[in-house]
Structure formats: structure tokens, C-alpha cells
C-alpha atoms as a PDB file:
ATOM      1  CA  MET A   1      17.348-123.092 -30.901  1.00  0.00           C
ATOM      2  CA  TYR A   2      19.042-124.282 -27.699  1.00  0.00           C
ATOM      3  CA  ASP A   3      18.263-127.276 -25.468  1.00  0.00           C
ATOM      4  CA  PHE A   4      15.766-125.702 -23.086  1.00  0.00           C
ATOM      5  CA  ASP A   5      16.186-126.079 -19.332  1.00  0.00           C
ATOM      6  CA  LEU A   6      14.527-123.735 -16.832  1.00  0.00           C
ATOM      7  CA  ASN A   7      17.582-124.065 -14.581  1.00  0.00           C
ATOM      8  CA  THR A   8      19.842-122.592 -17.294  1.00  0.00           C
ATOM      9  CA  GLU A   9      21.744-119.513 -16.134  1.00  0.00           C
ATOM     10  CA  ILE A  10      20.222-116.229 -17.287  1.00  0.00           C
ATOM     11  CA  THR A  11      23.397-115.307 -19.202  1.00  0.00           C
ATOM     12  CA  TYR A  12      22.362-117.825 -21.874  1.00  0.00           C
ATOM     13  CA  LEU A  13      19.236-115.817 -22.735  1.00  0.00           C
ATOM     14  CA  LYS A  14      19.702-113.774 -25.909  1.00  0.00           C
ATOM     15  CA  GLY A  15      20.321-110.111 -25.115  1.00  0.00           C
ATOM     16  CA  VAL A  16      21.556-110.755 -21.562  1.00  0.00           C
ATOM     17  CA  GLY A  17      25.286-110.136 -21.307  1.00  0.00           C
ATOM     18  CA  PRO A  18      27.443-110.132 -18.156  1.00  0.00           C
ATOM     19  CA  ARG A  19      26.496-106.552 -17.194  1.00  0.00           C
ATOM     20  CA  ARG A  20      22.763-107.151 -17.443  1.00  0.00           C
ATOM     21  CA  ALA A  21      23.139-110.547 -15.778  1.00  0.00           C
ATOM     22  CA  ALA A  22      24.819-108.898 -12.778  1.00  0.00           C
ATOM     23  CA  ILE A  23      21.928-106.452 -12.432  1.00  0.00           C
ATOM     24  CA  LEU A  24      19.403-109.291 -12.735  1.00  0.00           C
ATOM     25  CA  ASN A  25      21.302-111.257 -10.084  1.00  0.00           C
ATOM     26  CA  ASP A  26      20.877-108.302  -7.734  1.00  0.00           C
ATOM     27  CA  MET A  27      17.135-108.711  -8.360  1.00  0.00           C
ATOM     28  CA  ASN A  28      17.402-112.421  -7.419  1.00  0.00           C
ATOM     29  CA  ILE A  29      17.073-113.499 -11.045  1.00  0.00           C
ATOM     30  CA  PHE A  30      19.699-116.161 -11.796  1.00  0.00           C
ATOM     31  CA  THR A  31      18.002-118.686 -14.097  1.00  0.00           C
ATOM     32  CA  PHE A  32      15.433-118.905 -16.887  1.00  0.00           C
ATOM     33  CA  TYR A  33      12.889-119.987 -14.261  1.00  0.00           C
ATOM     34  CA  ASP A  34      13.611-116.924 -12.103  1.00  0.00           C
ATOM     35  CA  PHE A  35      13.121-114.695 -15.134  1.00  0.00           C
ATOM     36  CA  LEU A  36       9.932-116.467 -16.217  1.00  0.00           C
ATOM     37  CA  THR A  37       8.451-116.062 -12.728  1.00  0.00           C
ATOM     38  CA  HIS A  38       9.414-112.379 -12.545  1.00  0.00           C
ATOM     39  CA  PHE A  39       5.767-111.480 -13.000  1.00  0.00           C
ATOM     40  CA  PRO A  40       4.441-108.083 -14.099  1.00  0.00           C
ATOM     41  CA  ARG A  41       3.463-105.656 -11.345  1.00  0.00           C
ATOM     42  CA  ASP A  42       1.003-103.896 -13.650  1.00  0.00           C
ATOM     43  CA  TYR A  43      -0.139-103.603 -17.267  1.00  0.00           C
ATOM     44  CA  GLU A  44      -0.474-100.820 -19.829  1.00  0.00           C
ATOM     45  CA  ASP A  45      -3.613-101.079 -21.915  1.00  0.00           C
ATOM     46  CA  GLU A  46      -2.609 -99.786 -25.350  1.00  0.00           C
ATOM     47  CA  ARG A  47      -5.218-101.396 -27.563  1.00  0.00           C
ATOM     48  CA  GLU A  48      -6.834 -98.321 -29.068  1.00  0.00           C
ATOM     49  CA  VAL A  49      -5.505 -95.277 -30.920  1.00  0.00           C
ATOM     50  CA  THR A  50      -7.521 -92.059 -30.470  1.00  0.00           C
ATOM     51  CA  LYS A  51      -7.934 -89.499 -33.245  1.00  0.00           C
ATOM     52  CA  ILE A  52      -6.648 -86.064 -32.277  1.00  0.00           C
ATOM     53  CA  SER A  53     -10.115 -84.559 -32.770  1.00  0.00           C
ATOM     54  CA  ASP A  54     -11.521 -87.046 -30.202  1.00  0.00           C
ATOM     55  CA  LEU A  55      -9.011 -86.371 -27.409  1.00  0.00           C
ATOM     56  CA  VAL A  56     -10.439 -85.568 -23.957  1.00  0.00           C
ATOM     57  CA  PRO A  57      -8.623 -83.505 -21.262  1.00  0.00           C
ATOM     58  CA  ASP A  58      -7.253 -85.370 -18.217  1.00  0.00           C
ATOM     59  CA  GLU A  59      -7.270 -88.723 -19.996  1.00  0.00           C
ATOM     60  CA  VAL A  60      -4.260 -90.810 -21.044  1.00  0.00           C
ATOM     61  CA  ALA A  61      -4.448 -91.564 -24.768  1.00  0.00           C
ATOM     62  CA  LEU A  62      -2.563 -93.120 -27.680  1.00  0.00           C
ATOM     63  CA  VAL A  63      -2.062 -90.927 -30.745  1.00  0.00           C
ATOM     64  CA  VAL A  64      -0.465 -91.699 -34.108  1.00  0.00           C
ATOM     65  CA  GLY A  65       0.616 -88.747 -36.245  1.00  0.00           C
ATOM     66  CA  PHE A  66       3.326 -87.008 -38.256  1.00  0.00           C
ATOM     67  CA  ILE A  67       5.625 -84.283 -36.929  1.00  0.00           C
ATOM     68  CA  SER A  68       5.028 -80.936 -38.666  1.00  0.00           C
ATOM     69  CA  ASN A  69       7.207 -78.710 -36.481  1.00  0.00           C
ATOM     70  CA  VAL A  70       9.800 -79.073 -33.690  1.00  0.00           C
ATOM     71  CA  THR A  71      11.114 -76.415 -31.285  1.00  0.00           C
ATOM     72  CA  PHE A  72      13.541 -76.528 -28.353  1.00  0.00           C
ATOM     73  CA  LYS A  73      13.405 -74.214 -25.326  1.00  0.00           C
ATOM     74  CA  GLU A  74      15.921 -73.876 -22.504  1.00  0.00           C
ATOM     75  CA  ILE A  75      13.746 -72.415 -19.726  1.00  0.00           C
ATOM     76  CA  ARG A  76      16.440 -72.383 -17.066  1.00  0.00           C
ATOM     77  CA  GLN A  77      19.197 -74.598 -15.762  1.00  0.00           C
ATOM     78  CA  ASN A  78      17.921 -78.192 -15.412  1.00  0.00           C
ATOM     79  CA  LEU A  79      14.696 -77.408 -17.277  1.00  0.00           C
ATOM     80  CA  SER A  80      14.322 -77.747 -21.028  1.00  0.00           C
ATOM     81  CA  ILE A  81      11.306 -78.450 -23.228  1.00  0.00           C
ATOM     82  CA  ILE A  82      11.050 -79.933 -26.701  1.00  0.00           C
ATOM     83  CA  GLU A  83       7.728 -79.157 -28.346  1.00  0.00           C
ATOM     84  CA  ALA A  84       6.387 -80.643 -31.565  1.00  0.00           C
ATOM     85  CA  ILE A  85       3.181 -80.326 -33.525  1.00  0.00           C
ATOM     86  CA  ILE A  86       1.723 -83.714 -34.411  1.00  0.00           C
ATOM     87  CA  GLU A  87      -0.918 -84.073 -37.116  1.00  0.00           C
ATOM     88  CA  ASP A  88      -3.285 -86.825 -38.164  1.00  0.00           C
ATOM     89  CA  SER A  89      -6.220 -86.833 -40.573  1.00  0.00           C
ATOM     90  CA  SER A  90      -8.493 -85.215 -37.968  1.00  0.00           C
ATOM     91  CA  GLY A  91      -6.340 -82.341 -36.681  1.00  0.00           C
ATOM     92  CA  TYR A  92      -3.163 -81.415 -34.855  1.00  0.00           C
ATOM     93  CA  ILE A  93      -1.924 -81.128 -31.259  1.00  0.00           C
ATOM     94  CA  LYS A  94       1.167 -79.904 -29.390  1.00  0.00           C
ATOM     95  CA  ILE A  95       3.379 -82.568 -27.802  1.00  0.00           C
ATOM     96  CA  SER A  96       5.930 -81.816 -25.070  1.00  0.00           C
ATOM     97  CA  TRP A  97       9.031 -83.624 -23.803  1.00  0.00           C
ATOM     98  CA  PHE A  98      10.676 -82.307 -20.625  1.00  0.00           C
ATOM     99  CA  ASN A  99      14.457 -82.509 -19.993  1.00  0.00           C
ATOM    100  CA  GLN A 100      15.215 -84.843 -22.914  1.00  0.00           C
ATOM    101  CA  LYS A 101      17.793 -82.850 -24.886  1.00  0.00           C
ATOM    102  CA  TYR A 102      19.066 -85.953 -26.670  1.00  0.00           C
ATOM    103  CA  LEU A 103      15.823 -86.005 -28.690  1.00  0.00           C
ATOM    104  CA  ARG A 104      16.709 -82.738 -30.481  1.00  0.00           C
ATOM    105  CA  SER A 105      18.706 -84.600 -33.126  1.00  0.00           C
ATOM    106  CA  LYS A 106      16.230 -87.477 -33.393  1.00  0.00           C
ATOM    107  CA  LEU A 107      12.905 -85.678 -33.871  1.00  0.00           C
ATOM    108  CA  GLN A 108      12.570 -84.480 -37.467  1.00  0.00           C
ATOM    109  CA  THR A 109       9.709 -82.977 -39.477  1.00  0.00           C
ATOM    110  CA  GLY A 110       7.758 -85.661 -41.346  1.00  0.00           C
ATOM    111  CA  MET A 111       8.496 -88.479 -38.900  1.00  0.00           C
ATOM    112  CA  LYS A 112       5.637 -90.756 -37.859  1.00  0.00           C
ATOM    113  CA  LEU A 113       5.205 -91.334 -34.117  1.00  0.00           C
ATOM    114  CA  LEU A 114       3.095 -93.427 -31.760  1.00  0.00           C
ATOM    115  CA  ILE A 115       2.660 -91.308 -28.639  1.00  0.00           C
ATOM    116  CA  LYS A 116       1.207 -92.123 -25.232  1.00  0.00           C
ATOM    117  CA  GLY A 117       0.552 -89.286 -22.800  1.00  0.00           C
ATOM    118  CA  LYS A 118      -1.900 -87.379 -20.671  1.00  0.00           C
ATOM    119  CA  VAL A 119      -4.061 -84.812 -22.445  1.00  0.00           C
ATOM    120  CA  SER A 120      -4.363 -81.365 -20.845  1.00  0.00           C
ATOM    121  CA  ILE A 121      -5.598 -77.886 -21.707  1.00  0.00           C
ATOM    122  CA  GLY A 122      -2.814 -75.490 -22.627  1.00  0.00           C
ATOM    123  CA  PHE A 123      -2.407 -71.971 -23.969  1.00  0.00           C
ATOM    124  CA  ARG A 124      -5.651 -70.413 -25.292  1.00  0.00           C
ATOM    125  CA  ASN A 125      -7.610 -73.532 -24.340  1.00  0.00           C
ATOM    126  CA  SER A 126      -5.800 -75.659 -26.911  1.00  0.00           C
ATOM    127  CA  LEU A 127      -5.153 -79.308 -26.088  1.00  0.00           C
ATOM    128  CA  GLN A 128      -1.654 -80.636 -25.546  1.00  0.00           C
ATOM    129  CA  ILE A 129      -0.024 -83.913 -24.515  1.00  0.00           C
ATOM    130  CA  ALA A 130       2.800 -84.478 -22.045  1.00  0.00           C
ATOM    131  CA  VAL A 131       4.592 -87.525 -23.442  1.00  0.00           C
ATOM    132  CA  GLN A 132       4.876 -90.607 -21.220  1.00  0.00           C
ATOM    133  CA  SER A 133       6.254 -92.914 -23.909  1.00  0.00           C
ATOM    134  CA  PHE A 134       6.625 -92.972 -27.689  1.00  0.00           C
ATOM    135  CA  ASP A 135       7.894 -95.024 -30.618  1.00  0.00           C
ATOM    136  CA  PHE A 136       9.138 -94.106 -34.086  1.00  0.00           C
ATOM    137  CA  LEU A 137       7.117 -95.700 -36.904  1.00  0.00           C
ATOM    138  CA  ASP A 138       7.806 -96.155 -40.598  1.00  0.00           C
ATOM    139  CA  ASP A 139       5.410 -94.247 -42.869  1.00  0.00           C
ATOM    140  CA  ASP A 140       3.461 -97.390 -43.786  1.00  0.00           C
ATOM    141  CA  GLU A 141       3.884 -99.119 -40.410  1.00  0.00           C
ATOM    142  CA  ASN A 142       0.914 -99.841 -38.152  1.00  0.00           C
ATOM    143  CA  PRO A 143       1.494 -99.410 -34.407  1.00  0.00           C
ATOM    144  CA  ASN A 144       2.005-102.440 -32.187  1.00  0.00           C
ATOM    145  CA  LEU A 145      -1.108-102.353 -30.014  1.00  0.00           C
ATOM    146  CA  GLY A 146      -2.098-104.559 -27.085  1.00  0.00           C
ATOM    147  CA  ILE A 147      -1.859-104.997 -23.338  1.00  0.00           C
ATOM    148  CA  PHE A 148       1.786-104.699 -22.293  1.00  0.00           C
ATOM    149  CA  PRO A 149       3.368-105.921 -19.041  1.00  0.00           C
ATOM    150  CA  VAL A 150       5.078-103.534 -16.623  1.00  0.00           C
ATOM    151  CA  TYR A 151       7.790-105.381 -14.687  1.00  0.00           C
ATOM    152  CA  PRO A 152       9.536-104.620 -11.404  1.00  0.00           C
ATOM    153  CA  SER A 153      12.690-103.117 -12.833  1.00  0.00           C
ATOM    154  CA  SER A 154      15.829-101.097 -12.127  1.00  0.00           C
ATOM    155  CA  ALA A 155      17.176 -97.772 -13.343  1.00  0.00           C
ATOM    156  CA  THR A 156      19.351 -99.490 -15.948  1.00  0.00           C
ATOM    157  CA  LEU A 157      16.988-102.202 -17.227  1.00  0.00           C
ATOM    158  CA  THR A 158      14.098-100.817 -19.234  1.00  0.00           C
ATOM    159  CA  GLN A 159      10.622-102.213 -19.767  1.00  0.00           C
ATOM    160  CA  LYS A 160      11.567-102.717 -23.416  1.00  0.00           C
ATOM    161  CA  PHE A 161      14.390-105.036 -22.329  1.00  0.00           C
ATOM    162  CA  PHE A 162      12.134-107.086 -20.063  1.00  0.00           C
ATOM    163  CA  ARG A 163       9.366-107.352 -22.661  1.00  0.00           C
ATOM    164  CA  SER A 164      11.628-108.350 -25.553  1.00  0.00           C
ATOM    165  CA  SER A 165      13.658-110.806 -23.433  1.00  0.00           C
ATOM    166  CA  MET A 166      10.508-112.342 -21.958  1.00  0.00           C
ATOM    167  CA  LYS A 167       9.056-112.746 -25.453  1.00  0.00           C
ATOM    168  CA  ILE A 168      12.199-114.628 -26.532  1.00  0.00           C
ATOM    169  CA  LEU A 169      12.102-116.861 -23.462  1.00  0.00           C
ATOM    170  CA  ILE A 170       8.413-117.715 -23.843  1.00  0.00           C
ATOM    171  CA  SER A 171       8.862-118.449 -27.548  1.00  0.00           C
ATOM    172  CA  LYS A 172      11.438-121.107 -26.589  1.00  0.00           C
ATOM    173  CA  LEU A 173       9.445-122.451 -23.625  1.00  0.00           C
ATOM    174  CA  PRO A 174       8.190-126.004 -24.247  1.00  0.00           C
ATOM    175  CA  PRO A 175       4.691-126.942 -23.002  1.00  0.00           C
ATOM    176  CA  GLN A 176       4.720-127.105 -19.214  1.00  0.00           C
ATOM    177  CA  ASP A 177       3.306-130.172 -17.494  1.00  0.00           C
ATOM    178  CA  GLU A 178       0.208-129.917 -15.337  1.00  0.00           C
ATOM    179  CA  ILE A 179       1.162-130.743 -11.749  1.00  0.00           C
ATOM    180  CA  LEU A 180      -2.257-130.596 -10.093  1.00  0.00           C
ATOM    181  CA  PRO A 181      -4.593-133.611 -10.080  1.00  0.00           C
ATOM    182  CA  LYS A 182      -7.658-133.361 -12.306  1.00  0.00           C
ATOM    183  CA  SER A 183      -9.898-133.601  -9.239  1.00  0.00           C
ATOM    184  CA  ILE A 184      -8.314-130.456  -7.755  1.00  0.00           C
ATOM    185  CA  LEU A 185      -8.640-128.602 -11.066  1.00  0.00           C
ATOM    186  CA  LYS A 186     -12.310-129.501 -11.365  1.00  0.00           C
ATOM    187  CA  GLU A 187     -13.151-128.804  -7.731  1.00  0.00           C
ATOM    188  CA  ASN A 188     -11.648-125.282  -7.898  1.00  0.00           C
ATOM    189  CA  ASP A 189     -12.863-124.358 -11.398  1.00  0.00           C
ATOM    190  CA  LEU A 190      -9.316-124.016 -12.714  1.00  0.00           C
ATOM    191  CA  ASN A 191     -10.115-123.897 -16.414  1.00  0.00           C
ATOM    192  CA  MET A 192      -6.836-122.258 -17.470  1.00  0.00           C
ATOM    193  CA  SER A 193      -3.898-124.649 -17.695  1.00  0.00           C
ATOM    194  CA  TYR A 194      -0.642-123.963 -15.864  1.00  0.00           C
ATOM    195  CA  ASP A 195       1.198-123.653 -19.172  1.00  0.00           C
ATOM    196  CA  GLU A 196      -1.326-121.148 -20.514  1.00  0.00           C
ATOM    197  CA  ALA A 197      -1.214-119.119 -17.284  1.00  0.00           C
ATOM    198  CA  LEU A 198       2.591-118.827 -17.447  1.00  0.00           C
ATOM    199  CA  ARG A 199       2.361-117.383 -20.951  1.00  0.00           C
ATOM    200  CA  LEU A 200      -0.699-115.154 -20.564  1.00  0.00           C
ATOM    201  CA  ILE A 201       0.465-113.557 -17.303  1.00  0.00           C
ATOM    202  CA  HIS A 202       3.185-111.898 -19.389  1.00  0.00           C
ATOM    203  CA  PHE A 203       1.342-111.222 -22.631  1.00  0.00           C
ATOM    204  CA  PRO A 204      -2.422-111.247 -22.031  1.00  0.00           C
ATOM    205  CA  LYS A 205      -4.940-110.713 -24.787  1.00  0.00           C
ATOM    206  CA  ASP A 206      -7.463-109.070 -22.463  1.00  0.00           C
ATOM    207  CA  LYS A 207      -8.066-108.271 -18.784  1.00  0.00           C
ATOM    208  CA  PHE A 208      -9.909-111.560 -18.335  1.00  0.00           C
ATOM    209  CA  ASN A 209      -6.655-113.363 -19.178  1.00  0.00           C
ATOM    210  CA  ILE A 210      -4.828-111.382 -16.496  1.00  0.00           C
ATOM    211  CA  GLU A 211      -7.318-112.248 -13.751  1.00  0.00           C
ATOM    212  CA  ASN A 212      -7.432-115.935 -14.659  1.00  0.00           C
ATOM    213  CA  ALA A 213      -3.660-116.275 -15.012  1.00  0.00           C
ATOM    214  CA  ARG A 214      -3.001-114.552 -11.688  1.00  0.00           C
ATOM    215  CA  TYR A 215      -5.557-116.747  -9.931  1.00  0.00           C
ATOM    216  CA  ARG A 216      -4.172-119.928 -11.468  1.00  0.00           C
ATOM    217  CA  LEU A 217      -0.532-119.168 -10.634  1.00  0.00           C
ATOM    218  CA  ALA A 218      -1.400-118.025  -7.110  1.00  0.00           C
ATOM    219  CA  PHE A 219      -3.412-121.212  -6.541  1.00  0.00           C
ATOM    220  CA  ASN A 220      -0.478-123.341  -7.694  1.00  0.00           C
ATOM    221  CA  GLU A 221       1.927-121.548  -5.395  1.00  0.00           C
ATOM    222  CA  LEU A 222      -0.311-121.734  -2.331  1.00  0.00           C
ATOM    223  CA  PHE A 223      -1.209-125.360  -3.060  1.00  0.00           C
ATOM    224  CA  LEU A 224       2.465-126.362  -3.143  1.00  0.00           C
ATOM    225  CA  ILE A 225       3.184-124.395   0.055  1.00  0.00           C
ATOM    226  CA  GLN A 226       0.280-126.167   1.751  1.00  0.00           C
ATOM    227  CA  CYS A 227       1.569-129.545   0.575  1.00  0.00           C
ATOM    228  CA  GLY A 228       5.008-128.711   1.963  1.00  0.00           C
ATOM    229  CA  LEU A 229       3.563-127.682   5.323  1.00  0.00           C
ATOM    230  CA  MET A 230       1.493-130.865   5.509  1.00  0.00           C
ATOM    231  CA  LEU A 231       4.596-132.932   4.757  1.00  0.00           C
ATOM    232  CA  ILE A 232       6.541-131.140   7.495  1.00  0.00           C
ATOM    233  CA  LYS A 233       3.656-131.698   9.895  1.00  0.00           C
ATOM    234  CA  LYS A 234       3.457-135.394   8.988  1.00  0.00           C
ATOM    235  CA  ASN A 235       7.206-135.850   9.442  1.00  0.00           C
ATOM    236  CA  SER A 236       7.065-134.037  12.778  1.00  0.00           C
ATOM    237  CA  LYS A 237       4.193-136.213  13.921  1.00  0.00           C
ATOM    238  CA  ASP A 238       6.056-139.348  12.886  1.00  0.00           C
ATOM    239  CA  GLU A 239       9.498-138.381  14.141  1.00  0.00           C
ATOM    240  CA  ASP A 240       9.363-135.485  16.639  1.00  0.00           C
ATOM    241  CA  LEU A 241       7.724-135.364  20.024  1.00  0.00           C
ATOM    242  CA  GLY A 242       6.809-132.103  21.703  1.00  0.00           C
ATOM    243  CA  ILE A 243       5.878-131.268  25.283  1.00  0.00           C
ATOM    244  CA  GLU A 244       2.548-132.850  26.212  1.00  0.00           C
ATOM    245  CA  HIS A 245       0.654-130.482  28.528  1.00  0.00           C
ATOM    246  CA  LYS A 246      -2.006-131.563  31.011  1.00  0.00           C
ATOM    247  CA  ASN A 247      -5.584-130.348  30.947  1.00  0.00           C
ATOM    248  CA  SER A 248      -6.067-126.733  31.942  1.00  0.00           C
ATOM    249  CA  GLY A 249      -6.270-126.343  35.721  1.00  0.00           C
ATOM    250  CA  GLU A 250      -7.017-123.855  38.472  1.00  0.00           C
ATOM    251  CA  LEU A 251      -4.461-121.175  37.497  1.00  0.00           C
ATOM    252  CA  PHE A 252      -5.685-121.137  33.894  1.00  0.00           C
ATOM    253  CA  GLU A 253      -9.324-120.813  34.959  1.00  0.00           C
ATOM    254  CA  ASN A 254      -8.551-118.153  37.593  1.00  0.00           C
ATOM    255  CA  VAL A 255      -6.719-115.972  35.097  1.00  0.00           C
ATOM    256  CA  LYS A 256      -9.455-116.440  32.505  1.00  0.00           C
ATOM    257  CA  ASN A 257     -12.200-115.586  35.037  1.00  0.00           C
ATOM    258  CA  SER A 258     -10.304-112.536  36.296  1.00  0.00           C
ATOM    259  CA  LEU A 259     -10.384-110.854  32.895  1.00  0.00           C
ATOM    260  CA  PRO A 260     -12.486-107.653  32.892  1.00  0.00           C
ATOM    261  CA  PHE A 261     -14.446-109.007  29.912  1.00  0.00           C
ATOM    262  CA  LYS A 262     -15.774-112.271  28.548  1.00  0.00           C
ATOM    263  CA  LEU A 263     -14.008-113.925  25.659  1.00  0.00           C
ATOM    264  CA  THR A 264     -15.845-113.817  22.355  1.00  0.00           C
ATOM    265  CA  ASN A 265     -17.092-116.978  20.684  1.00  0.00           C
ATOM    266  CA  ASP A 266     -14.193-116.848  18.168  1.00  0.00           C
ATOM    267  CA  GLN A 267     -11.650-116.392  20.966  1.00  0.00           C
ATOM    268  CA  ASN A 268     -13.047-119.391  22.858  1.00  0.00           C
ATOM    269  CA  ILE A 269     -12.920-121.551  19.726  1.00  0.00           C
ATOM    270  CA  VAL A 270      -9.305-120.602  18.973  1.00  0.00           C
ATOM    271  CA  LEU A 271      -8.271-121.056  22.619  1.00  0.00           C
ATOM    272  CA  LYS A 272      -9.867-124.501  22.684  1.00  0.00           C
ATOM    273  CA  GLU A 273      -7.963-125.511  19.540  1.00  0.00           C
ATOM    274  CA  ILE A 274      -4.684-124.231  21.008  1.00  0.00           C
ATOM    275  CA  CYS A 275      -5.209-126.086  24.285  1.00  0.00           C
ATOM    276  CA  PHE A 276      -5.987-129.273  22.342  1.00  0.00           C
ATOM    277  CA  ASP A 277      -2.718-128.898  20.399  1.00  0.00           C
ATOM    278  CA  MET A 278      -0.730-128.212  23.576  1.00  0.00           C
ATOM    279  CA  GLU A 279      -2.120-131.366  25.206  1.00  0.00           C
ATOM    280  CA  ASP A 280      -0.997-133.437  22.208  1.00  0.00           C
ATOM    281  CA  PRO A 281       2.641-134.660  21.917  1.00  0.00           C
ATOM    282  CA  THR A 282       2.843-133.394  18.297  1.00  0.00           C
ATOM    283  CA  PRO A 283       4.635-130.014  18.155  1.00  0.00           C
ATOM    284  CA  MET A 284       2.150-127.193  17.548  1.00  0.00           C
ATOM    285  CA  ARG A 285       2.574-124.876  14.557  1.00  0.00           C
ATOM    286  CA  ARG A 286      -0.156-122.309  14.691  1.00  0.00           C
ATOM    287  CA  LEU A 287      -0.733-118.755  13.498  1.00  0.00           C
ATOM    288  CA  ILE A 288      -3.570-116.659  14.888  1.00  0.00           C
ATOM    289  CA  GLN A 289      -4.848-114.172  12.348  1.00  0.00           C
ATOM    290  CA  GLY A 290      -7.166-111.296  13.206  1.00  0.00           C
ATOM    291  CA  ASP A 291      -7.747-107.578  12.908  1.00  0.00           C
ATOM    292  CA  VAL A 292      -6.213-105.068  15.321  1.00  0.00           C
ATOM    293  CA  GLY A 293      -8.191-105.169  18.556  1.00  0.00           C
ATOM    294  CA  SER A 294      -9.746-108.565  17.887  1.00  0.00           C
ATOM    295  CA  GLY A 295      -8.165-110.071  21.015  1.00  0.00           C
ATOM    296  CA  LYS A 296      -5.198-112.105  19.802  1.00  0.00           C
ATOM    297  CA  THR A 297      -2.989-111.024  22.721  1.00  0.00           C
ATOM    298  CA  VAL A 298      -5.266-112.316  25.464  1.00  0.00           C
ATOM    299  CA  VAL A 299      -5.457-115.717  23.751  1.00  0.00           C
ATOM    300  CA  ALA A 300      -1.639-115.810  23.647  1.00  0.00           C
ATOM    301  CA  LEU A 301      -1.546-114.829  27.349  1.00  0.00           C
ATOM    302  CA  LEU A 302      -3.811-117.731  28.335  1.00  0.00           C
ATOM    303  CA  ALA A 303      -1.663-120.160  26.316  1.00  0.00           C
ATOM    304  CA  LEU A 304       1.360-118.846  28.217  1.00  0.00           C
ATOM    305  CA  VAL A 305      -0.460-119.359  31.531  1.00  0.00           C
ATOM    306  CA  LYS A 306      -1.203-122.963  30.536  1.00  0.00           C
ATOM    307  CA  THR A 307       2.526-123.546  29.970  1.00  0.00           C
ATOM    308  CA  VAL A 308       3.455-122.006  33.344  1.00  0.00           C
ATOM    309  CA  GLU A 309       0.762-124.089  35.069  1.00  0.00           C
ATOM    310  CA  ASN A 310       2.429-127.208  33.661  1.00  0.00           C
ATOM    311  CA  ASP A 311       5.757-126.167  35.298  1.00  0.00           C
ATOM    312  CA  PHE A 312       7.374-125.172  32.013  1.00  0.00           C
ATOM    313  CA  GLN A 313       8.946-121.917  30.985  1.00  0.00           C
ATOM    314  CA  GLY A 314       7.276-119.767  28.351  1.00  0.00           C
ATOM    315  CA  VAL A 315       8.231-116.635  26.484  1.00  0.00           C
ATOM    316  CA  PHE A 316       6.085-113.882  25.000  1.00  0.00           C
ATOM    317  CA  MET A 317       7.867-111.844  22.346  1.00  0.00           C
ATOM    318  CA  ALA A 318       6.931-108.425  20.979  1.00  0.00           C
ATOM    319  CA  PRO A 319       8.384-106.551  17.973  1.00  0.00           C
ATOM    320  CA  THR A 320       9.272-103.350  19.859  1.00  0.00           C
ATOM    321  CA  GLU A 321      10.584-102.454  23.315  1.00  0.00           C
ATOM    322  CA  ILE A 322       7.617-100.149  24.019  1.00  0.00           C
ATOM    323  CA  LEU A 323       5.120-102.877  23.180  1.00  0.00           C
ATOM    324  CA  ALA A 324       7.066-105.420  25.242  1.00  0.00           C
ATOM    325  CA  ILE A 325       6.918-103.108  28.282  1.00  0.00           C
ATOM    326  CA  GLN A 326       3.195-102.509  27.795  1.00  0.00           C
ATOM    327  CA  HIS A 327       2.490-106.255  27.600  1.00  0.00           C
ATOM    328  CA  PHE A 328       4.696-106.949  30.620  1.00  0.00           C
ATOM    329  CA  GLU A 329       2.915-104.366  32.777  1.00  0.00           C
ATOM    330  CA  LYS A 330      -0.534-105.531  31.646  1.00  0.00           C
ATOM    331  CA  PHE A 331       0.283-109.223  32.158  1.00  0.00           C
END
């Protein structure tokens, strides 16, 4: 067991050599912490094995059975099919692998497999499974069932690599300190600890774990961002002075009254807040959020007019040339 530090380079994680490390670096994963916070994008629920006699068309299922027959067909160039008959105590079903010639030497009669795939109706209304994933099992081995993470990956790093490496990392991870005050935890009903969330987001026991872990980790992240923004704002207020505008005057009111519509209540509230910020010496940092067509542009126009009325220059930027021209002509 090594001295654990989340800032340790990823090359020190068991199973990660220079080649894999280079690929992980391309994914912005450089340290243990980067790897630990490479959260799953989805999950595969593999908690229940279905008997062959209970399979239902158009559903994805897990089946455990023994191979009783294997055939290989070369349909045409770039299309080959390996078919096998899989049996369990309730019946048998045909399994198909497409364009996986390397399996010809691996699949043998009598082998035990755990198969995941979509069930469909085949020849003469018999059921068949197109394999999505599978594992070889020993004769007396029970399948490893559970909810498994699906990570953002690359063509050369498999889910198996991410899962096994993450399991190693989490097994070495010491208990993580709680960084939020108890009052914040209580006020926001954060019953899952930060340490527990970091572990369960990768290997949940049920879907409830997933939801709680995601919520907890998202709350932490947004809370820290908000703290950082408040610190920046405080430092700006203490150290930086912006341009202090005067109260809105005749030009501002004329432009506002010349609009072919009345501002909504929400627009008036936001505009009032913006004007208040512009009349304060503290630099304004503000984002207006609203649906398309909710009237954000006209609020920005009136703020620009207020700047011009105070004998300052203003700029209105748009993401495309077409939109810039449209705004220019309308303004």
C-alpha cells in the first residue's frame, strides 16, 4: 500500500503504464484526483439474470448458460457471424456475434457464459440474442451482478479498464473530510456524506445511491464556485472601482417609451437591478438568463443606452455576423 495523495500522478496507479497514461492525459486526467472525479456518464443495471424460458422480445436481458454448439459464417467481405446455442435449465437460445472472428478460437462447447444482449424474434419465430457484452465463467462460478458504471472513454481504453482501475483507487482512498458546515448540510437535507458520495457515484448499490451521490457532488461543486465568485466580488468591492453612472435620464426614458411594446414585469425588475449596479462604483458582474424570445436583448439595449447617456462608450457583441447585423439595424 502506497502513501496516498490525490495529487499523485496517474502513472502511479496500478495498471496504468506510460501508454495508458498518455491517453488519459489527452482526456485531461493527470492525477489520482482527476481520475476519481472522472464520473460515470451512465450505468448498466445488471442485477438480475433471466432464465431463457422467461426471455421477452425487444428487451435487453442477462443470461447465464453453457455453449452446446458453435458455428461460423462468412456472409460477405466485412460481414461475418458467429452463432452459438446457449442452454440453461429452462431451455436454449441462439446467440450471435457480428464481425468478431477472433472469438472463433475462444468459444468452445461446454463453456459457461454470462451474456448481455437484446432479445429478438428470429427464424421460425424462435428467440435469439444479439450479444452486447459477455464474460467467461468457471463451471461453479456465480456471475458478478450489480449496477456498473459507464465512463466517458476512448477507443483504446475499455470500460473494464476504467472499472478495475477505479476499484483499486477507491480501495486505497482514505476517508475524505467533510468541507461543508453542518448548518449547510442540515439546511439542504444533505444526508449523504461527501466521502460516501465519491465512492457510491462509481459503484452504487441501487439507483437511489446514484441520485443522492450526483446531487451531493453537484451541490459541493456549485457551492465552491459560488464561494469563489463571492470572494472575487468582495475583493473587487474592496480593491477595484468601476465607472459610476448617473441616474437614468431623458435619453434612457425616450428610448424606453419609444418601444413598440411595454416591458414585462420581469424585464422591469431585471432592468432596475442592472441600473442600480451601474450607478454603484463596484464593477458589475451579471448574467441575464431567459428563454428564447423572453426579451433579454431589449434589456441589454437599454443598459447600453444608459452608458451612452453618461458619455461613455459601450459595445454590444453578438456570436455571429448575421445576428450582429440584425441587432445593428434594429438598434
